[in-house]
Amino acid sequence: MANLVYVQPNGARVSVDAPDGITVMQAAVDTAVEGIIGACAGSCACGTCHVYIDERYTSLLPPITPEEDHKLDEVAAPVKRNSRMACRVVVTSRLDGMVVHIPKTQG
């Protein structure tokens, strides 16, 4: 299990305890975190779970797949070095404390 901290565009923080094996998107959807929609239910087809991962944690994540990279080209908010699709980031205990910034726009 990992505690994830989602940061809203206005700076508000939401702390979520997420079990290992689910995605950062699913943890947000399951706990009604605003700003992460997950319209495609995690199939990396919609771009509504784009997030910015705190750079202290990016080295703990697997590399971006070609599918995720392609979807990042289509998201509404600016893409940054630490951009990820939350449906492609699987929770592990190594991610405990990870801060996930939600962009102002999704889609």
PDB file of N, CA and C in Angstrom:
ATOM      1  N   MET A   1       0.836  -1.173   0.000  1.00  0.00           N
ATOM      2  CA  MET A   1       0.000   0.000   0.000  1.00  0.00           C
ATOM      3  C   MET A   1       0.881   1.237   0.000  1.00  0.00           C
ATOM      4  N   ALA A   2       0.355   2.291  -0.620  1.00  0.00           N
ATOM      5  CA  ALA A   2       1.078   3.557  -0.665  1.00  0.00           C
ATOM      6  C   ALA A   2       0.109   4.695  -0.410  1.00  0.00           C
ATOM      7  N   ASN A   3       0.584   5.695   0.290  1.00  0.00           N
ATOM      8  CA  ASN A   3      -0.198   6.907   0.447  1.00  0.00           C
ATOM      9  C   ASN A   3       0.191   7.830  -0.699  1.00  0.00           C
ATOM     10  N   LEU A   4      -0.808   8.241  -1.477  1.00  0.00           N
ATOM     11  CA  LEU A   4      -0.598   9.161  -2.593  1.00  0.00           C
ATOM     12  C   LEU A   4      -1.216  10.501  -2.233  1.00  0.00           C
ATOM     13  N   VAL A   5      -0.544  11.574  -2.610  1.00  0.00           N
ATOM     14  CA  VAL A   5      -1.059  12.912  -2.350  1.00  0.00           C
ATOM     15  C   VAL A   5      -1.352  13.562  -3.690  1.00  0.00           C
ATOM     16  N   TYR A   6      -2.633  13.798  -3.952  1.00  0.00           N
ATOM     17  CA  TYR A   6      -3.066  14.457  -5.182  1.00  0.00           C
ATOM     18  C   TYR A   6      -3.190  15.947  -4.896  1.00  0.00           C
ATOM     19  N   VAL A   7      -2.564  16.753  -5.751  1.00  0.00           N
ATOM     20  CA  VAL A   7      -2.601  18.198  -5.570  1.00  0.00           C
ATOM     21  C   VAL A   7      -3.451  18.804  -6.681  1.00  0.00           C
ATOM     22  N   GLN A   8      -4.517  19.476  -6.271  1.00  0.00           N
ATOM     23  CA  GLN A   8      -5.418  20.141  -7.212  1.00  0.00           C
ATOM     24  C   GLN A   8      -4.730  21.375  -7.802  1.00  0.00           C
ATOM     25  N   PRO A   9      -5.206  21.861  -8.948  1.00  0.00           N
ATOM     26  CA  PRO A   9      -4.622  23.065  -9.541  1.00  0.00           C
ATOM     27  C   PRO A   9      -4.623  24.271  -8.593  1.00  0.00           C
ATOM     28  N   ASN A  10      -5.575  24.320  -7.653  1.00  0.00           N
ATOM     29  CA  ASN A  10      -5.631  25.435  -6.707  1.00  0.00           C
ATOM     30  C   ASN A  10      -4.752  25.211  -5.478  1.00  0.00           C
ATOM     31  N   GLY A  11      -4.022  24.093  -5.440  1.00  0.00           N
ATOM     32  CA  GLY A  11      -3.117  23.799  -4.337  1.00  0.00           C
ATOM     33  C   GLY A  11      -3.699  22.910  -3.255  1.00  0.00           C
ATOM     34  N   ALA A  12      -5.007  22.679  -3.272  1.00  0.00           N
ATOM     35  CA  ALA A  12      -5.626  21.786  -2.284  1.00  0.00           C
ATOM     36  C   ALA A  12      -5.056  20.378  -2.440  1.00  0.00           C
ATOM     37  N   ARG A  13      -4.857  19.709  -1.318  1.00  0.00           N
ATOM     38  CA  ARG A  13      -4.267  18.364  -1.323  1.00  0.00           C
ATOM     39  C   ARG A  13      -5.278  17.335  -0.839  1.00  0.00           C
ATOM     40  N   VAL A  14      -5.255  16.182  -1.493  1.00  0.00           N
ATOM     41  CA  VAL A  14      -6.102  15.059  -1.101  1.00  0.00           C
ATOM     42  C   VAL A  14      -5.181  13.855  -0.919  1.00  0.00           C
ATOM     43  N   SER A  15      -5.207  13.273   0.271  1.00  0.00           N
ATOM     44  CA  SER A  15      -4.378  12.117   0.580  1.00  0.00           C
ATOM     45  C   SER A  15      -5.212  10.853   0.435  1.00  0.00           C
ATOM     46  N   VAL A  16      -4.667   9.865  -0.270  1.00  0.00           N
ATOM     47  CA  VAL A  16      -5.383   8.619  -0.542  1.00  0.00           C
ATOM     48  C   VAL A  16      -4.463   7.437  -0.241  1.00  0.00           C
ATOM     49  N   ASP A  17      -4.962   6.473   0.506  1.00  0.00           N
ATOM     50  CA  ASP A  17      -4.240   5.216   0.709  1.00  0.00           C
ATOM     51  C   ASP A  17      -4.650   4.282  -0.421  1.00  0.00           C
ATOM     52  N   ALA A  18      -3.688   3.883  -1.232  1.00  0.00           N
ATOM     53  CA  ALA A  18      -3.960   3.068  -2.418  1.00  0.00           C
ATOM     54  C   ALA A  18      -3.282   1.704  -2.290  1.00  0.00           C
ATOM     55  N   PRO A  19      -4.034   0.630  -2.522  1.00  0.00           N
ATOM     56  CA  PRO A  19      -3.422  -0.698  -2.445  1.00  0.00           C
ATOM     57  C   PRO A  19      -2.478  -0.963  -3.624  1.00  0.00           C
ATOM     58  N   ASP A  20      -1.482  -1.765  -3.382  1.00  0.00           N
ATOM     59  CA  ASP A  20      -0.576  -2.184  -4.455  1.00  0.00           C
ATOM     60  C   ASP A  20      -1.377  -2.828  -5.582  1.00  0.00           C
ATOM     61  N   GLY A  21      -0.947  -2.558  -6.805  1.00  0.00           N
ATOM     62  CA  GLY A  21      -1.523  -3.231  -7.963  1.00  0.00           C
ATOM     63  C   GLY A  21      -2.581  -2.448  -8.706  1.00  0.00           C
ATOM     64  N   ILE A  22      -3.177  -1.421  -8.076  1.00  0.00           N
ATOM     65  CA  ILE A  22      -4.113  -0.597  -8.835  1.00  0.00           C
ATOM     66  C   ILE A  22      -3.341   0.577  -9.423  1.00  0.00           C
ATOM     67  N   THR A  23      -3.967   1.301 -10.301  1.00  0.00           N
ATOM     68  CA  THR A  23      -3.282   2.434 -10.916  1.00  0.00           C
ATOM     69  C   THR A  23      -3.555   3.715 -10.132  1.00  0.00           C
ATOM     70  N   VAL A  24      -2.716   4.687 -10.363  1.00  0.00           N
ATOM     71  CA  VAL A  24      -2.893   6.006  -9.754  1.00  0.00           C
ATOM     72  C   VAL A  24      -4.238   6.593 -10.193  1.00  0.00           C
ATOM     73  N   MET A  25      -4.655   6.315 -11.429  1.00  0.00           N
ATOM     74  CA  MET A  25      -5.964   6.767 -11.905  1.00  0.00           C
ATOM     75  C   MET A  25      -7.080   6.096 -11.128  1.00  0.00           C
ATOM     76  N   GLN A  26      -7.020   4.789 -10.973  1.00  0.00           N
ATOM     77  CA  GLN A  26      -8.092   4.061 -10.294  1.00  0.00           C
ATOM     78  C   GLN A  26      -8.196   4.480  -8.838  1.00  0.00           C
ATOM     79  N   ALA A  27      -7.063   4.704  -8.184  1.00  0.00           N
ATOM     80  CA  ALA A  27      -7.093   5.164  -6.792  1.00  0.00           C
ATOM     81  C   ALA A  27      -7.807   6.508  -6.696  1.00  0.00           C
ATOM     82  N   ALA A  28      -7.584   7.382  -7.664  1.00  0.00           N
ATOM     83  CA  ALA A  28      -8.244   8.694  -7.669  1.00  0.00           C
ATOM     84  C   ALA A  28      -9.732   8.568  -7.954  1.00  0.00           C
ATOM     85  N   VAL A  29     -10.080   7.769  -8.938  1.00  0.00           N
ATOM     86  CA  VAL A  29     -11.494   7.588  -9.295  1.00  0.00           C
ATOM     87  C   VAL A  29     -12.261   6.927  -8.141  1.00  0.00           C
ATOM     88  N   ASP A  30     -11.672   5.916  -7.527  1.00  0.00           N
ATOM     89  CA  ASP A  30     -12.323   5.202  -6.429  1.00  0.00           C
ATOM     90  C   ASP A  30     -12.608   6.102  -5.227  1.00  0.00           C
ATOM     91  N   THR A  31     -11.810   7.150  -5.064  1.00  0.00           N
ATOM     92  CA  THR A  31     -11.973   8.036  -3.912  1.00  0.00           C
ATOM     93  C   THR A  31     -12.484   9.420  -4.315  1.00  0.00           C
ATOM     94  N   ALA A  32     -12.974   9.538  -5.549  1.00  0.00           N
ATOM     95  CA  ALA A  32     -13.591  10.772  -6.058  1.00  0.00           C
ATOM     96  C   ALA A  32     -12.667  11.985  -6.005  1.00  0.00           C
ATOM     97  N   VAL A  33     -11.391  11.784  -6.354  1.00  0.00           N
ATOM     98  CA  VAL A  33     -10.463  12.902  -6.453  1.00  0.00           C
ATOM     99  C   VAL A  33     -10.850  13.714  -7.686  1.00  0.00           C
ATOM    100  N   GLU A  34     -11.115  14.997  -7.499  1.00  0.00           N
ATOM    101  CA  GLU A  34     -11.501  15.858  -8.617  1.00  0.00           C
ATOM    102  C   GLU A  34     -10.343  16.034  -9.597  1.00  0.00           C
ATOM    103  N   GLY A  35     -10.685  16.095 -10.875  1.00  0.00           N
ATOM    104  CA  GLY A  35      -9.698  16.401 -11.898  1.00  0.00           C
ATOM    105  C   GLY A  35      -9.129  15.207 -12.624  1.00  0.00           C
ATOM    106  N   ILE A  36      -9.315  14.017 -12.092  1.00  0.00           N
ATOM    107  CA  ILE A  36      -8.894  12.804 -12.792  1.00  0.00           C
ATOM    108  C   ILE A  36     -10.174  12.077 -13.169  1.00  0.00           C
ATOM    109  N   ILE A  37     -10.460  12.076 -14.452  1.00  0.00           N
ATOM    110  CA  ILE A  37     -11.740  11.576 -14.938  1.00  0.00           C
ATOM    111  C   ILE A  37     -11.680  10.091 -15.270  1.00  0.00           C
ATOM    112  N   GLY A  38     -10.683   9.694 -16.037  1.00  0.00           N
ATOM    113  CA  GLY A  38     -10.567   8.281 -16.407  1.00  0.00           C
ATOM    114  C   GLY A  38     -11.726   7.812 -17.260  1.00  0.00           C
ATOM    115  N   ALA A  39     -12.118   8.618 -18.234  1.00  0.00           N
ATOM    116  CA  ALA A  39     -13.295   8.320 -19.061  1.00  0.00           C
ATOM    117  C   ALA A  39     -13.194   6.996 -19.805  1.00  0.00           C
ATOM    118  N   CYS A  40     -11.996   6.548 -20.123  1.00  0.00           N
ATOM    119  CA  CYS A  40     -11.841   5.297 -20.869  1.00  0.00           C
ATOM    120  C   CYS A  40     -11.613   4.103 -19.950  1.00  0.00           C
ATOM    121  N   ALA A  41     -11.794   4.314 -18.651  1.00  0.00           N
ATOM    122  CA  ALA A  41     -11.649   3.255 -17.649  1.00  0.00           C
ATOM    123  C   ALA A  41     -10.249   2.649 -17.608  1.00  0.00           C
ATOM    124  N   GLY A  42      -9.265   3.443 -17.973  1.00  0.00           N
ATOM    125  CA  GLY A  42      -7.885   2.981 -17.846  1.00  0.00           C
ATOM    126  C   GLY A  42      -7.284   2.314 -19.058  1.00  0.00           C
ATOM    127  N   SER A  43      -7.890   2.483 -20.230  1.00  0.00           N
ATOM    128  CA  SER A  43      -7.353   1.844 -21.426  1.00  0.00           C
ATOM    129  C   SER A  43      -6.374   2.738 -22.198  1.00  0.00           C
ATOM    130  N   CYS A  44      -6.025   3.873 -21.629  1.00  0.00           N
ATOM    131  CA  CYS A  44      -5.067   4.825 -22.239  1.00  0.00           C
ATOM    132  C   CYS A  44      -5.559   5.302 -23.601  1.00  0.00           C
ATOM    133  N   ALA A  45      -6.877   5.552 -23.672  1.00  0.00           N
ATOM    134  CA  ALA A  45      -7.469   5.969 -24.933  1.00  0.00           C
ATOM    135  C   ALA A  45      -8.067   7.365 -24.900  1.00  0.00           C
ATOM    136  N   CYS A  46      -8.177   7.984 -23.711  1.00  0.00           N
ATOM    137  CA  CYS A  46      -8.927   9.241 -23.650  1.00  0.00           C
ATOM    138  C   CYS A  46      -8.111  10.463 -23.242  1.00  0.00           C
ATOM    139  N   GLY A  47      -7.052  10.301 -22.506  1.00  0.00           N
ATOM    140  CA  GLY A  47      -6.249  11.442 -22.079  1.00  0.00           C
ATOM    141  C   GLY A  47      -6.797  12.201 -20.889  1.00  0.00           C
ATOM    142  N   THR A  48      -7.798  11.649 -20.179  1.00  0.00           N
ATOM    143  CA  THR A  48      -8.407  12.379 -19.069  1.00  0.00           C
ATOM    144  C   THR A  48      -7.825  12.023 -17.701  1.00  0.00           C
ATOM    145  N   CYS A  49      -6.651  11.415 -17.703  1.00  0.00           N
ATOM    146  CA  CYS A  49      -5.977  11.134 -16.428  1.00  0.00           C
ATOM    147  C   CYS A  49      -4.521  11.602 -16.468  1.00  0.00           C
ATOM    148  N   HIS A  50      -4.262  12.598 -17.290  1.00  0.00           N
ATOM    149  CA  HIS A  50      -2.928  13.183 -17.375  1.00  0.00           C
ATOM    150  C   HIS A  50      -2.574  13.828 -16.039  1.00  0.00           C
ATOM    151  N   VAL A  51      -1.382  13.544 -15.538  1.00  0.00           N
ATOM    152  CA  VAL A  51      -0.911  14.111 -14.279  1.00  0.00           C
ATOM    153  C   VAL A  51       0.569  14.463 -14.395  1.00  0.00           C
ATOM    154  N   TYR A  52       1.019  15.233 -13.422  1.00  0.00           N
ATOM    155  CA  TYR A  52       2.440  15.538 -13.273  1.00  0.00           C
ATOM    156  C   TYR A  52       2.917  14.864 -11.990  1.00  0.00           C
ATOM    157  N   ILE A  53       3.858  13.943 -12.130  1.00  0.00           N
ATOM    158  CA  ILE A  53       4.400  13.201 -10.986  1.00  0.00           C
ATOM    159  C   ILE A  53       5.536  14.012 -10.381  1.00  0.00           C
ATOM    160  N   ASP A  54       5.524  14.152  -9.067  1.00  0.00           N
ATOM    161  CA  ASP A  54       6.619  14.850  -8.394  1.00  0.00           C
ATOM    162  C   ASP A  54       7.935  14.224  -8.845  1.00  0.00           C
ATOM    163  N   GLU A  55       8.863  15.061  -9.246  1.00  0.00           N
ATOM    164  CA  GLU A  55      10.104  14.563  -9.861  1.00  0.00           C
ATOM    165  C   GLU A  55      10.948  13.695  -8.924  1.00  0.00           C
ATOM    166  N   ARG A  56      10.705  13.760  -7.631  1.00  0.00           N
ATOM    167  CA  ARG A  56      11.432  12.868  -6.708  1.00  0.00           C
ATOM    168  C   ARG A  56      11.042  11.416  -6.909  1.00  0.00           C
ATOM    169  N   TYR A  57       9.913  11.172  -7.590  1.00  0.00           N
ATOM    170  CA  TYR A  57       9.400   9.813  -7.757  1.00  0.00           C
ATOM    171  C   TYR A  57       9.508   9.294  -9.190  1.00  0.00           C
ATOM    172  N   THR A  58       9.826  10.145 -10.138  1.00  0.00           N
ATOM    173  CA  THR A  58       9.815   9.696 -11.531  1.00  0.00           C
ATOM    174  C   THR A  58      10.811   8.573 -11.802  1.00  0.00           C
ATOM    175  N   SER A  59      11.915   8.553 -11.095  1.00  0.00           N
ATOM    176  CA  SER A  59      12.904   7.486 -11.313  1.00  0.00           C
ATOM    177  C   SER A  59      12.411   6.132 -10.796  1.00  0.00           C
ATOM    178  N   LEU A  60      11.370   6.128  -9.983  1.00  0.00           N
ATOM    179  CA  LEU A  60      10.813   4.880  -9.458  1.00  0.00           C
ATOM    180  C   LEU A  60       9.774   4.267 -10.391  1.00  0.00           C
ATOM    181  N   LEU A  61       9.415   5.003 -11.431  1.00  0.00           N
ATOM    182  CA  LEU A  61       8.379   4.542 -12.353  1.00  0.00           C
ATOM    183  C   LEU A  61       8.996   3.846 -13.555  1.00  0.00           C
ATOM    184  N   PRO A  62       8.268   2.914 -14.146  1.00  0.00           N
ATOM    185  CA  PRO A  62       8.771   2.300 -15.382  1.00  0.00           C
ATOM    186  C   PRO A  62       8.788   3.342 -16.493  1.00  0.00           C
ATOM    187  N   PRO A  63       9.576   3.112 -17.521  1.00  0.00           N
ATOM    188  CA  PRO A  63       9.615   4.063 -18.636  1.00  0.00           C
ATOM    189  C   PRO A  63       8.239   4.202 -19.303  1.00  0.00           C
ATOM    190  N   ILE A  64       8.045   5.328 -19.924  1.00  0.00           N
ATOM    191  CA  ILE A  64       6.809   5.565 -20.667  1.00  0.00           C
ATOM    192  C   ILE A  64       6.779   4.632 -21.873  1.00  0.00           C
ATOM    193  N   THR A  65       5.663   3.948 -22.056  1.00  0.00           N
ATOM    194  CA  THR A  65       5.498   3.055 -23.208  1.00  0.00           C
ATOM    195  C   THR A  65       5.153   3.883 -24.444  1.00  0.00           C
ATOM    196  N   PRO A  66       5.332   3.324 -25.634  1.00  0.00           N
ATOM    197  CA  PRO A  66       4.935   4.048 -26.848  1.00  0.00           C
ATOM    198  C   PRO A  66       3.449   4.447 -26.831  1.00  0.00           C
ATOM    199  N   GLU A  67       2.592   3.574 -26.307  1.00  0.00           N
ATOM    200  CA  GLU A  67       1.160   3.871 -26.214  1.00  0.00           C
ATOM    201  C   GLU A  67       0.917   5.107 -25.332  1.00  0.00           C
ATOM    202  N   GLU A  68       1.572   5.140 -24.176  1.00  0.00           N
ATOM    203  CA  GLU A  68       1.413   6.284 -23.273  1.00  0.00           C
ATOM    204  C   GLU A  68       1.998   7.549 -23.893  1.00  0.00           C
ATOM    205  N   ASP A  69       3.141   7.434 -24.519  1.00  0.00           N
ATOM    206  CA  ASP A  69       3.772   8.582 -25.174  1.00  0.00           C
ATOM    207  C   ASP A  69       2.863   9.165 -26.250  1.00  0.00           C
ATOM    208  N   HIS A  70       2.233   8.297 -27.020  1.00  0.00           N
ATOM    209  CA  HIS A  70       1.307   8.743 -28.062  1.00  0.00           C
ATOM    210  C   HIS A  70       0.123   9.492 -27.439  1.00  0.00           C
ATOM    211  N   LYS A  71      -0.421   8.970 -26.352  1.00  0.00           N
ATOM    212  CA  LYS A  71      -1.567   9.617 -25.712  1.00  0.00           C
ATOM    213  C   LYS A  71      -1.165  10.953 -25.105  1.00  0.00           C
ATOM    214  N   LEU A  72       0.047  11.054 -24.577  1.00  0.00           N
ATOM    215  CA  LEU A  72       0.507  12.334 -24.030  1.00  0.00           C
ATOM    216  C   LEU A  72       0.573  13.421 -25.103  1.00  0.00           C
ATOM    217  N   ASP A  73       0.764  13.016 -26.351  1.00  0.00           N
ATOM    218  CA  ASP A  73       0.764  13.988 -27.455  1.00  0.00           C
ATOM    219  C   ASP A  73      -0.622  14.592 -27.675  1.00  0.00           C
ATOM    220  N   GLU A  74      -1.657  13.983 -27.096  1.00  0.00           N
ATOM    221  CA  GLU A  74      -3.030  14.406 -27.353  1.00  0.00           C
ATOM    222  C   GLU A  74      -3.724  15.048 -26.148  1.00  0.00           C
ATOM    223  N   VAL A  75      -3.044  15.198 -25.028  1.00  0.00           N
ATOM    224  CA  VAL A  75      -3.708  15.729 -23.831  1.00  0.00           C
ATOM    225  C   VAL A  75      -3.917  17.240 -23.941  1.00  0.00           C
ATOM    226  N   ALA A  76      -4.866  17.749 -23.139  1.00  0.00           N
ATOM    227  CA  ALA A  76      -5.245  19.161 -23.206  1.00  0.00           C
ATOM    228  C   ALA A  76      -4.248  20.082 -22.513  1.00  0.00           C
ATOM    229  N   ALA A  77      -3.678  19.666 -21.414  1.00  0.00           N
ATOM    230  CA  ALA A  77      -2.746  20.499 -20.647  1.00  0.00           C
ATOM    231  C   ALA A  77      -1.331  20.361 -21.216  1.00  0.00           C
ATOM    232  N   PRO A  78      -0.479  21.333 -20.930  1.00  0.00           N
ATOM    233  CA  PRO A  78       0.906  21.235 -21.407  1.00  0.00           C
ATOM    234  C   PRO A  78       1.587  19.962 -20.895  1.00  0.00           C
ATOM    235  N   VAL A  79       2.365  19.338 -21.756  1.00  0.00           N
ATOM    236  CA  VAL A  79       3.137  18.151 -21.381  1.00  0.00           C
ATOM    237  C   VAL A  79       4.487  18.623 -20.849  1.00  0.00           C
ATOM    238  N   LYS A  80       4.867  18.048 -19.710  1.00  0.00           N
ATOM    239  CA  LYS A  80       6.135  18.375 -19.072  1.00  0.00           C
ATOM    240  C   LYS A  80       6.982  17.119 -18.960  1.00  0.00           C
ATOM    241  N   ARG A  81       8.227  17.283 -18.502  1.00  0.00           N
ATOM    242  CA  ARG A  81       9.121  16.127 -18.314  1.00  0.00           C
ATOM    243  C   ARG A  81       8.524  15.075 -17.402  1.00  0.00           C
ATOM    244  N   ASN A  82       7.725  15.510 -16.431  1.00  0.00           N
ATOM    245  CA  ASN A  82       7.171  14.594 -15.444  1.00  0.00           C
ATOM    246  C   ASN A  82       5.710  14.230 -15.728  1.00  0.00           C
ATOM    247  N   SER A  83       5.260  14.466 -16.956  1.00  0.00           N
ATOM    248  CA  SER A  83       3.897  14.087 -17.344  1.00  0.00           C
ATOM    249  C   SER A  83       3.776  12.582 -17.462  1.00  0.00           C
ATOM    250  N   ARG A  84       2.667  12.068 -16.962  1.00  0.00           N
ATOM    251  CA  ARG A  84       2.344  10.652 -17.122  1.00  0.00           C
ATOM    252  C   ARG A  84       0.839  10.517 -17.245  1.00  0.00           C
ATOM    253  N   MET A  85       0.418   9.399 -17.824  1.00  0.00           N
ATOM    254  CA  MET A  85      -0.989   9.026 -17.810  1.00  0.00           C
ATOM    255  C   MET A  85      -1.181   8.202 -16.543  1.00  0.00           C
ATOM    256  N   ALA A  86      -2.039   8.662 -15.649  1.00  0.00           N
ATOM    257  CA  ALA A  86      -2.220   8.002 -14.351  1.00  0.00           C
ATOM    258  C   ALA A  86      -2.720   6.565 -14.489  1.00  0.00           C
ATOM    259  N   CYS A  87      -3.345   6.249 -15.630  1.00  0.00           N
ATOM    260  CA  CYS A  87      -3.817   4.875 -15.852  1.00  0.00           C
ATOM    261  C   CYS A  87      -2.664   3.918 -16.148  1.00  0.00           C
ATOM    262  N   ARG A  88      -1.479   4.442 -16.338  1.00  0.00           N
ATOM    263  CA  ARG A  88      -0.318   3.609 -16.655  1.00  0.00           C
ATOM    264  C   ARG A  88       0.689   3.546 -15.514  1.00  0.00           C
ATOM    265  N   VAL A  89       0.378   4.195 -14.393  1.00  0.00           N
ATOM    266  CA  VAL A  89       1.267   4.171 -13.233  1.00  0.00           C
ATOM    267  C   VAL A  89       0.647   3.256 -12.181  1.00  0.00           C
ATOM    268  N   VAL A  90       1.278   2.115 -11.966  1.00  0.00           N
ATOM    269  CA  VAL A  90       0.776   1.113 -11.024  1.00  0.00           C
ATOM    270  C   VAL A  90       1.347   1.398  -9.635  1.00  0.00           C
ATOM    271  N   VAL A  91       0.472   1.378  -8.657  1.00  0.00           N
ATOM    272  CA  VAL A  91       0.855   1.655  -7.274  1.00  0.00           C
ATOM    273  C   VAL A  91       1.653   0.485  -6.700  1.00  0.00           C
ATOM    274  N   THR A  92       2.764   0.836  -6.061  1.00  0.00           N
ATOM    275  CA  THR A  92       3.543  -0.117  -5.267  1.00  0.00           C
ATOM    276  C   THR A  92       3.935   0.599  -3.984  1.00  0.00           C
ATOM    277  N   SER A  93       4.355  -0.162  -2.999  1.00  0.00           N
ATOM    278  CA  SER A  93       4.759   0.446  -1.731  1.00  0.00           C
ATOM    279  C   SER A  93       5.942   1.396  -1.916  1.00  0.00           C
ATOM    280  N   ARG A  94       6.721   1.224  -2.960  1.00  0.00           N
ATOM    281  CA  ARG A  94       7.850   2.123  -3.242  1.00  0.00           C
ATOM    282  C   ARG A  94       7.386   3.554  -3.525  1.00  0.00           C
ATOM    283  N   LEU A  95       6.123   3.689  -3.915  1.00  0.00           N
ATOM    284  CA  LEU A  95       5.598   5.012  -4.254  1.00  0.00           C
ATOM    285  C   LEU A  95       4.962   5.713  -3.057  1.00  0.00           C
ATOM    286  N   ASP A  96       5.104   5.149  -1.863  1.00  0.00           N
ATOM    287  CA  ASP A  96       4.504   5.746  -0.678  1.00  0.00           C
ATOM    288  C   ASP A  96       4.950   7.199  -0.525  1.00  0.00           C
ATOM    289  N   GLY A  97       3.975   8.094  -0.386  1.00  0.00           N
ATOM    290  CA  GLY A  97       4.262   9.519  -0.248  1.00  0.00           C
ATOM    291  C   GLY A  97       4.305  10.279  -1.557  1.00  0.00           C
ATOM    292  N   MET A  98       4.129   9.596  -2.669  1.00  0.00           N
ATOM    293  CA  MET A  98       4.233  10.251  -3.977  1.00  0.00           C
ATOM    294  C   MET A  98       3.197  11.364  -4.125  1.00  0.00           C
ATOM    295  N   VAL A  99       3.669  12.485  -4.656  1.00  0.00           N
ATOM    296  CA  VAL A  99       2.812  13.636  -4.905  1.00  0.00           C
ATOM    297  C   VAL A  99       2.466  13.652  -6.385  1.00  0.00           C
ATOM    298  N   VAL A 100       1.161  13.765  -6.668  1.00  0.00           N
ATOM    299  CA  VAL A 100       0.631  13.740  -8.026  1.00  0.00           C
ATOM    300  C   VAL A 100      -0.101  15.061  -8.266  1.00  0.00           C
ATOM    301  N   HIS A 101       0.421  15.876  -9.166  1.00  0.00           N
ATOM    302  CA  HIS A 101      -0.199  17.164  -9.476  1.00  0.00           C
ATOM    303  C   HIS A 101      -1.181  16.991 -10.633  1.00  0.00           C
ATOM    304  N   ILE A 102      -2.372  17.530 -10.441  1.00  0.00           N
ATOM    305  CA  ILE A 102      -3.429  17.425 -11.448  1.00  0.00           C
ATOM    306  C   ILE A 102      -3.443  18.724 -12.259  1.00  0.00           C
ATOM    307  N   PRO A 103      -3.379  18.630 -13.598  1.00  0.00           N
ATOM    308  CA  PRO A 103      -3.410  19.842 -14.420  1.00  0.00           C
ATOM    309  C   PRO A 103      -4.785  20.524 -14.388  1.00  0.00           C
ATOM    310  N   LYS A 104      -4.823  21.756 -14.833  1.00  0.00           N
ATOM    311  CA  LYS A 104      -6.074  22.521 -14.840  1.00  0.00           C
ATOM    312  C   LYS A 104      -7.108  21.969 -15.796  1.00  0.00           C
ATOM    313  N   THR A 105      -6.650  21.352 -16.884  1.00  0.00           N
ATOM    314  CA  THR A 105      -7.585  20.826 -17.894  1.00  0.00           C
ATOM    315  C   THR A 105      -7.243  19.376 -18.191  1.00  0.00           C
ATOM    316  N   GLN A 106      -8.263  18.623 -18.587  1.00  0.00           N
ATOM    317  CA  GLN A 106      -8.104  17.234 -18.991  1.00  0.00           C
ATOM    318  C   GLN A 106      -8.826  17.055 -20.338  1.00  0.00           C
ATOM    319  N   GLY A 107      -8.487  15.981 -20.999  1.00  0.00           N
ATOM    320  CA  GLY A 107      -9.204  15.660 -22.235  1.00  0.00           C
ATOM    321  C   GLY A 107      -8.311  15.482 -23.406  1.00  0.00           C
TER     322      GLY A 107
END
